[in-house]
């Protein structure tokens, strides 16, 4: 069954870019490092996965992206790129894309995922609009997380997504561009994950 209506005890976040060796790869491992630090043994309540719309399948993370990730305290060890598939979209409770084009690609795979698919910066902006005082129903993080995603979808008419939400592709660019992209990802991803981490009944 599609994300948002499953009984899965884990809340799954799917991160999407093109090749799955730079932006979404960095986001996945950066997010894992953040959640491990924030939630400790409870970090596994949120499952982070990534894929590419035209993935360099089974390739490791790009060396520049891996270096930037290391600077954030993350680890690229063992990472391998994956191609976006329909079952990934169906299983995701929240899909975060790097650009509007990627969002279109996700919806071409599964149009039913619209209410669960956002640009990364769009998601951060919507959560900021919703604020921290929302009453979210549920006892477990996964249940509450799916309810929060539904609130995000309903709030879409309060925020216009445009080209400024796109996070550029750093492939083929020097390390300083990868650093800029890494900063852009971190600036949007950490607040998003922080909001969902707060839903944990075991949140410190």
C-alpha atoms as a PDB file:
ATOM      1  CA  UNK A   1       0.000   0.000   0.000  1.00  0.00           C
ATOM      2  CA  UNK A   2       1.209   3.553  -0.562  1.00  0.00           C
ATOM      3  CA  UNK A   3       3.093   5.433   2.113  1.00  0.00           C
ATOM      4  CA  UNK A   4       0.913   7.354   4.528  1.00  0.00           C
ATOM      5  CA  UNK A   5      -1.629   4.543   4.951  1.00  0.00           C
ATOM      6  CA  UNK A   6       0.595   1.609   5.830  1.00  0.00           C
ATOM      7  CA  UNK A   7       1.011  -0.055   9.227  1.00  0.00           C
ATOM      8  CA  UNK A   8       4.808  -0.026   8.832  1.00  0.00           C
ATOM      9  CA  UNK A   9       6.326   0.952  12.211  1.00  0.00           C
ATOM     10  CA  UNK A  10       9.071   2.911  10.443  1.00  0.00           C
ATOM     11  CA  UNK A  11       8.697   6.298   8.766  1.00  0.00           C
ATOM     12  CA  UNK A  12      10.457   6.186   5.379  1.00  0.00           C
ATOM     13  CA  UNK A  13      11.993   9.252   3.736  1.00  0.00           C
ATOM     14  CA  UNK A  14      13.063   8.889   0.097  1.00  0.00           C
ATOM     15  CA  UNK A  15      15.637  11.401  -1.225  1.00  0.00           C
ATOM     16  CA  UNK A  16      15.888  11.897  -4.986  1.00  0.00           C
ATOM     17  CA  UNK A  17      18.347  13.510  -7.398  1.00  0.00           C
ATOM     18  CA  UNK A  18      19.632  12.533 -10.832  1.00  0.00           C
ATOM     19  CA  UNK A  19      22.657  10.254 -10.498  1.00  0.00           C
ATOM     20  CA  UNK A  20      22.360   9.387  -6.778  1.00  0.00           C
ATOM     21  CA  UNK A  21      26.060  10.014  -6.292  1.00  0.00           C
ATOM     22  CA  UNK A  22      26.076  13.661  -5.137  1.00  0.00           C
ATOM     23  CA  UNK A  23      22.999  15.456  -3.784  1.00  0.00           C
ATOM     24  CA  UNK A  24      20.662  12.688  -2.654  1.00  0.00           C
ATOM     25  CA  UNK A  25      23.580  10.496  -1.595  1.00  0.00           C
ATOM     26  CA  UNK A  26      24.969  13.253   0.599  1.00  0.00           C
ATOM     27  CA  UNK A  27      21.494  13.982   1.970  1.00  0.00           C
ATOM     28  CA  UNK A  28      20.921  10.336   2.910  1.00  0.00           C
ATOM     29  CA  UNK A  29      24.176   9.943   4.813  1.00  0.00           C
ATOM     30  CA  UNK A  30      24.044  13.440   6.337  1.00  0.00           C
ATOM     31  CA  UNK A  31      20.518  12.731   7.535  1.00  0.00           C
ATOM     32  CA  UNK A  32      21.561   9.396   9.037  1.00  0.00           C
ATOM     33  CA  UNK A  33      24.414  11.063  10.925  1.00  0.00           C
ATOM     34  CA  UNK A  34      22.052  13.750  12.225  1.00  0.00           C
ATOM     35  CA  UNK A  35      19.371  11.284  13.345  1.00  0.00           C
ATOM     36  CA  UNK A  36      21.911   9.049  15.068  1.00  0.00           C
ATOM     37  CA  UNK A  37      23.163  12.054  16.990  1.00  0.00           C
ATOM     38  CA  UNK A  38      19.685  13.408  17.752  1.00  0.00           C
ATOM     39  CA  UNK A  39      17.776  10.219  18.569  1.00  0.00           C
ATOM     40  CA  UNK A  40      20.489   7.717  19.477  1.00  0.00           C
ATOM     41  CA  UNK A  41      19.093   4.199  19.648  1.00  0.00           C
ATOM     42  CA  UNK A  42      15.702   5.485  18.482  1.00  0.00           C
ATOM     43  CA  UNK A  43      17.135   6.810  15.200  1.00  0.00           C
ATOM     44  CA  UNK A  44      15.912   3.710  13.375  1.00  0.00           C
ATOM     45  CA  UNK A  45      12.329   4.945  13.644  1.00  0.00           C
ATOM     46  CA  UNK A  46      13.084   7.066  10.560  1.00  0.00           C
ATOM     47  CA  UNK A  47      14.397   5.154   7.554  1.00  0.00           C
ATOM     48  CA  UNK A  48      16.370   7.250   5.050  1.00  0.00           C
ATOM     49  CA  UNK A  49      16.905   5.949   1.522  1.00  0.00           C
ATOM     50  CA  UNK A  50      17.993   7.633  -1.706  1.00  0.00           C
ATOM     51  CA  UNK A  51      17.838   6.986  -5.430  1.00  0.00           C
ATOM     52  CA  UNK A  52      18.423   8.672  -8.766  1.00  0.00           C
ATOM     53  CA  UNK A  53      16.125   9.288 -11.705  1.00  0.00           C
ATOM     54  CA  UNK A  54      19.060   8.372 -13.975  1.00  0.00           C
ATOM     55  CA  UNK A  55      21.289   6.741 -11.419  1.00  0.00           C
ATOM     56  CA  UNK A  56      24.909   5.755 -11.922  1.00  0.00           C
ATOM     57  CA  UNK A  57      23.853   2.390 -10.555  1.00  0.00           C
ATOM     58  CA  UNK A  58      26.141   0.747  -7.978  1.00  0.00           C
ATOM     59  CA  UNK A  59      28.647   3.620  -8.080  1.00  0.00           C
ATOM     60  CA  UNK A  60      30.085   5.009  -4.834  1.00  0.00           C
ATOM     61  CA  UNK A  61      29.454   8.553  -3.743  1.00  0.00           C
ATOM     62  CA  UNK A  62      31.269  11.186  -5.813  1.00  0.00           C
ATOM     63  CA  UNK A  63      34.627  11.974  -4.130  1.00  0.00           C
ATOM     64  CA  UNK A  64      33.814  15.679  -3.797  1.00  0.00           C
ATOM     65  CA  UNK A  65      30.421  14.928  -2.242  1.00  0.00           C
ATOM     66  CA  UNK A  66      32.030  12.396   0.094  1.00  0.00           C
ATOM     67  CA  UNK A  67      34.566  14.996   1.205  1.00  0.00           C
ATOM     68  CA  UNK A  68      31.836  17.558   1.877  1.00  0.00           C
ATOM     69  CA  UNK A  69      29.849  14.924   3.767  1.00  0.00           C
ATOM     70  CA  UNK A  70      32.885  14.146   5.911  1.00  0.00           C
ATOM     71  CA  UNK A  71      33.070  17.817   6.841  1.00  0.00           C
ATOM     72  CA  UNK A  72      29.509  17.544   8.163  1.00  0.00           C
ATOM     73  CA  UNK A  73      30.421  14.494  10.236  1.00  0.00           C
ATOM     74  CA  UNK A  74      28.903  11.930   7.874  1.00  0.00           C
ATOM     75  CA  UNK A  75      30.402   8.816   6.302  1.00  0.00           C
ATOM     76  CA  UNK A  76      30.168   7.670   2.668  1.00  0.00           C
ATOM     77  CA  UNK A  77      31.574   4.204   3.398  1.00  0.00           C
ATOM     78  CA  UNK A  78      29.673   1.470   1.577  1.00  0.00           C
ATOM     79  CA  UNK A  79      27.329   3.794  -0.292  1.00  0.00           C
ATOM     80  CA  UNK A  80      26.122   2.560  -3.695  1.00  0.00           C
ATOM     81  CA  UNK A  81      23.851   4.447  -6.097  1.00  0.00           C
ATOM     82  CA  UNK A  82      20.374   3.084  -6.846  1.00  0.00           C
ATOM     83  CA  UNK A  83      17.896   3.687  -9.632  1.00  0.00           C
ATOM     84  CA  UNK A  84      14.500   5.085  -8.688  1.00  0.00           C
ATOM     85  CA  UNK A  85      11.831   2.377  -8.932  1.00  0.00           C
ATOM     86  CA  UNK A  86       8.104   2.422  -8.466  1.00  0.00           C
ATOM     87  CA  UNK A  87       8.115   0.320  -5.323  1.00  0.00           C
ATOM     88  CA  UNK A  88      10.437   2.854  -3.647  1.00  0.00           C
ATOM     89  CA  UNK A  89       7.940   5.634  -4.310  1.00  0.00           C
ATOM     90  CA  UNK A  90       5.040   3.504  -3.067  1.00  0.00           C
ATOM     91  CA  UNK A  91       6.909   2.605   0.137  1.00  0.00           C
ATOM     92  CA  UNK A  92       7.943   6.182   0.970  1.00  0.00           C
ATOM     93  CA  UNK A  93       6.002   8.168   3.540  1.00  0.00           C
ATOM     94  CA  UNK A  94       7.794  11.343   2.416  1.00  0.00           C
ATOM     95  CA  UNK A  95       9.705  11.878  -0.823  1.00  0.00           C
ATOM     96  CA  UNK A  96      12.085  14.841  -1.019  1.00  0.00           C
ATOM     97  CA  UNK A  97      13.499  15.864  -4.391  1.00  0.00           C
ATOM     98  CA  UNK A  98      16.304  18.248  -5.225  1.00  0.00           C
ATOM     99  CA  UNK A  99      14.537  19.979  -8.148  1.00  0.00           C
ATOM    100  CA  UNK A 100      11.108  20.459  -9.701  1.00  0.00           C
ATOM    101  CA  UNK A 101      12.182  18.203 -12.559  1.00  0.00           C
ATOM    102  CA  UNK A 102      12.910  15.395 -10.118  1.00  0.00           C
ATOM    103  CA  UNK A 103       9.470  15.861  -8.566  1.00  0.00           C
ATOM    104  CA  UNK A 104       7.924  15.461 -12.014  1.00  0.00           C
ATOM    105  CA  UNK A 105      10.001  12.321 -12.571  1.00  0.00           C
ATOM    106  CA  UNK A 106       8.792  10.835  -9.294  1.00  0.00           C
ATOM    107  CA  UNK A 107       5.171  11.550 -10.177  1.00  0.00           C
ATOM    108  CA  UNK A 108       5.621  10.023 -13.606  1.00  0.00           C
ATOM    109  CA  UNK A 109       6.568   6.814 -11.804  1.00  0.00           C
ATOM    110  CA  UNK A 110       3.585   7.010  -9.433  1.00  0.00           C
ATOM    111  CA  UNK A 111       1.141   9.956  -9.736  1.00  0.00           C
ATOM    112  CA  UNK A 112      -0.547   8.852  -6.502  1.00  0.00           C
ATOM    113  CA  UNK A 113       2.524  10.039  -4.595  1.00  0.00           C
ATOM    114  CA  UNK A 114       1.737  13.740  -5.144  1.00  0.00           C
ATOM    115  CA  UNK A 115       0.588  14.396  -1.583  1.00  0.00           C
ATOM    116  CA  UNK A 116       3.782  12.836  -0.219  1.00  0.00           C
ATOM    117  CA  UNK A 117       6.296  14.369  -2.648  1.00  0.00           C
ATOM    118  CA  UNK A 118       7.961  17.738  -2.132  1.00  0.00           C
ATOM    119  CA  UNK A 119      11.095  19.565  -3.115  1.00  0.00           C
ATOM    120  CA  UNK A 120      13.497  19.523  -0.178  1.00  0.00           C
ATOM    121  CA  UNK A 121      13.441  23.308   0.183  1.00  0.00           C
ATOM    122  CA  UNK A 122       9.672  23.323  -0.304  1.00  0.00           C
ATOM    123  CA  UNK A 123       9.268  20.866   2.576  1.00  0.00           C
ATOM    124  CA  UNK A 124      11.427  23.019   4.844  1.00  0.00           C
ATOM    125  CA  UNK A 125       9.393  26.088   3.924  1.00  0.00           C
ATOM    126  CA  UNK A 126       6.059  24.382   4.515  1.00  0.00           C
ATOM    127  CA  UNK A 127       7.115  23.098   7.931  1.00  0.00           C
ATOM    128  CA  UNK A 128       8.237  26.606   8.863  1.00  0.00           C
ATOM    129  CA  UNK A 129       4.803  27.903   7.831  1.00  0.00           C
ATOM    130  CA  UNK A 130       3.038  25.259   9.888  1.00  0.00           C
ATOM    131  CA  UNK A 131       5.080  26.083  12.974  1.00  0.00           C
ATOM    132  CA  UNK A 132       6.012  23.942  15.952  1.00  0.00           C
ATOM    133  CA  UNK A 133       2.736  24.139  17.882  1.00  0.00           C
ATOM    134  CA  UNK A 134       0.666  21.749  15.769  1.00  0.00           C
ATOM    135  CA  UNK A 135      -1.247  19.012  17.536  1.00  0.00           C
ATOM    136  CA  UNK A 136      -0.314  15.856  15.623  1.00  0.00           C
ATOM    137  CA  UNK A 137      -2.408  12.753  16.376  1.00  0.00           C
ATOM    138  CA  UNK A 138      -0.880   9.359  17.046  1.00  0.00           C
ATOM    139  CA  UNK A 139       1.307   7.529  19.545  1.00  0.00           C
ATOM    140  CA  UNK A 140       4.204   6.449  17.331  1.00  0.00           C
ATOM    141  CA  UNK A 141       6.563   8.491  15.190  1.00  0.00           C
ATOM    142  CA  UNK A 142       5.507   6.778  11.947  1.00  0.00           C
ATOM    143  CA  UNK A 143       1.811   7.483  12.547  1.00  0.00           C
ATOM    144  CA  UNK A 144       2.452  11.070  13.609  1.00  0.00           C
ATOM    145  CA  UNK A 145       4.900  11.574  10.739  1.00  0.00           C
ATOM    146  CA  UNK A 146       2.326  10.534   8.156  1.00  0.00           C
ATOM    147  CA  UNK A 147      -0.183  12.912   9.731  1.00  0.00           C
ATOM    148  CA  UNK A 148       2.360  15.741   9.525  1.00  0.00           C
ATOM    149  CA  UNK A 149       2.971  14.995   5.839  1.00  0.00           C
ATOM    150  CA  UNK A 150      -0.756  15.322   5.235  1.00  0.00           C
ATOM    151  CA  UNK A 151      -0.667  18.738   6.933  1.00  0.00           C
ATOM    152  CA  UNK A 152       2.215  19.737   4.655  1.00  0.00           C
ATOM    153  CA  UNK A 153       0.208  18.750   1.577  1.00  0.00           C
ATOM    154  CA  UNK A 154      -2.777  20.790   2.741  1.00  0.00           C
ATOM    155  CA  UNK A 155      -0.525  23.821   3.296  1.00  0.00           C
ATOM    156  CA  UNK A 156       0.807  23.820  -0.258  1.00  0.00           C
ATOM    157  CA  UNK A 157      -1.576  26.584  -1.338  1.00  0.00           C
ATOM    158  CA  UNK A 158       0.113  28.893   1.185  1.00  0.00           C
ATOM    159  CA  UNK A 159       3.525  28.697  -0.497  1.00  0.00           C
ATOM    160  CA  UNK A 160       4.490  28.934  -4.172  1.00  0.00           C
ATOM    161  CA  UNK A 161       7.337  26.657  -5.246  1.00  0.00           C
ATOM    162  CA  UNK A 162       9.602  28.084  -7.955  1.00  0.00           C
ATOM    163  CA  UNK A 163      13.091  27.898  -9.430  1.00  0.00           C
ATOM    164  CA  UNK A 164      14.586  29.202  -6.166  1.00  0.00           C
ATOM    165  CA  UNK A 165      13.654  25.870  -4.557  1.00  0.00           C
ATOM    166  CA  UNK A 166      15.866  23.888  -6.940  1.00  0.00           C
ATOM    167  CA  UNK A 167      19.231  22.710  -5.599  1.00  0.00           C
ATOM    168  CA  UNK A 168      21.720  22.759  -8.456  1.00  0.00           C
ATOM    169  CA  UNK A 169      23.581  19.719  -9.749  1.00  0.00           C
ATOM    170  CA  UNK A 170      27.282  19.964  -8.759  1.00  0.00           C
ATOM    171  CA  UNK A 171      28.466  17.138 -11.016  1.00  0.00           C
ATOM    172  CA  UNK A 172      31.506  18.165 -13.034  1.00  0.00           C
ATOM    173  CA  UNK A 173      31.991  21.266 -10.881  1.00  0.00           C
ATOM    174  CA  UNK A 174      34.912  22.093  -8.546  1.00  0.00           C
ATOM    175  CA  UNK A 175      34.871  21.275  -4.853  1.00  0.00           C
ATOM    176  CA  UNK A 176      33.669  24.741  -3.825  1.00  0.00           C
ATOM    177  CA  UNK A 177      30.423  24.203  -5.765  1.00  0.00           C
ATOM    178  CA  UNK A 178      29.957  20.862  -4.017  1.00  0.00           C
ATOM    179  CA  UNK A 179      30.452  22.688  -0.720  1.00  0.00           C
ATOM    180  CA  UNK A 180      27.783  25.245  -1.650  1.00  0.00           C
ATOM    181  CA  UNK A 181      25.387  22.472  -2.608  1.00  0.00           C
ATOM    182  CA  UNK A 182      26.150  20.596   0.595  1.00  0.00           C
ATOM    183  CA  UNK A 183      25.374  23.699   2.634  1.00  0.00           C
ATOM    184  CA  UNK A 184      22.095  24.183   0.751  1.00  0.00           C
ATOM    185  CA  UNK A 185      21.083  20.594   1.429  1.00  0.00           C
ATOM    186  CA  UNK A 186      22.018  20.778   5.097  1.00  0.00           C
ATOM    187  CA  UNK A 187      20.198  24.092   5.575  1.00  0.00           C
ATOM    188  CA  UNK A 188      16.936  22.523   4.361  1.00  0.00           C
ATOM    189  CA  UNK A 189      17.286  18.878   5.405  1.00  0.00           C
ATOM    190  CA  UNK A 190      18.273  19.300   9.051  1.00  0.00           C
ATOM    191  CA  UNK A 191      15.203  21.415   9.962  1.00  0.00           C
ATOM    192  CA  UNK A 192      12.951  18.920   8.178  1.00  0.00           C
ATOM    193  CA  UNK A 193      14.431  15.929   9.984  1.00  0.00           C
ATOM    194  CA  UNK A 194      14.435  17.823  13.273  1.00  0.00           C
ATOM    195  CA  UNK A 195      10.679  18.393  12.969  1.00  0.00           C
ATOM    196  CA  UNK A 196      10.019  14.704  12.398  1.00  0.00           C
ATOM    197  CA  UNK A 197      12.474  13.629  15.096  1.00  0.00           C
ATOM    198  CA  UNK A 198      10.483  15.712  17.588  1.00  0.00           C
ATOM    199  CA  UNK A 199       7.538  13.388  16.974  1.00  0.00           C
ATOM    200  CA  UNK A 200       9.373  10.481  18.582  1.00  0.00           C
ATOM    201  CA  UNK A 201       7.774   9.360  21.856  1.00  0.00           C
ATOM    202  CA  UNK A 202      11.321   8.618  22.983  1.00  0.00           C
ATOM    203  CA  UNK A 203      12.624  12.034  21.960  1.00  0.00           C
ATOM    204  CA  UNK A 204      14.891  13.360  24.744  1.00  0.00           C
END
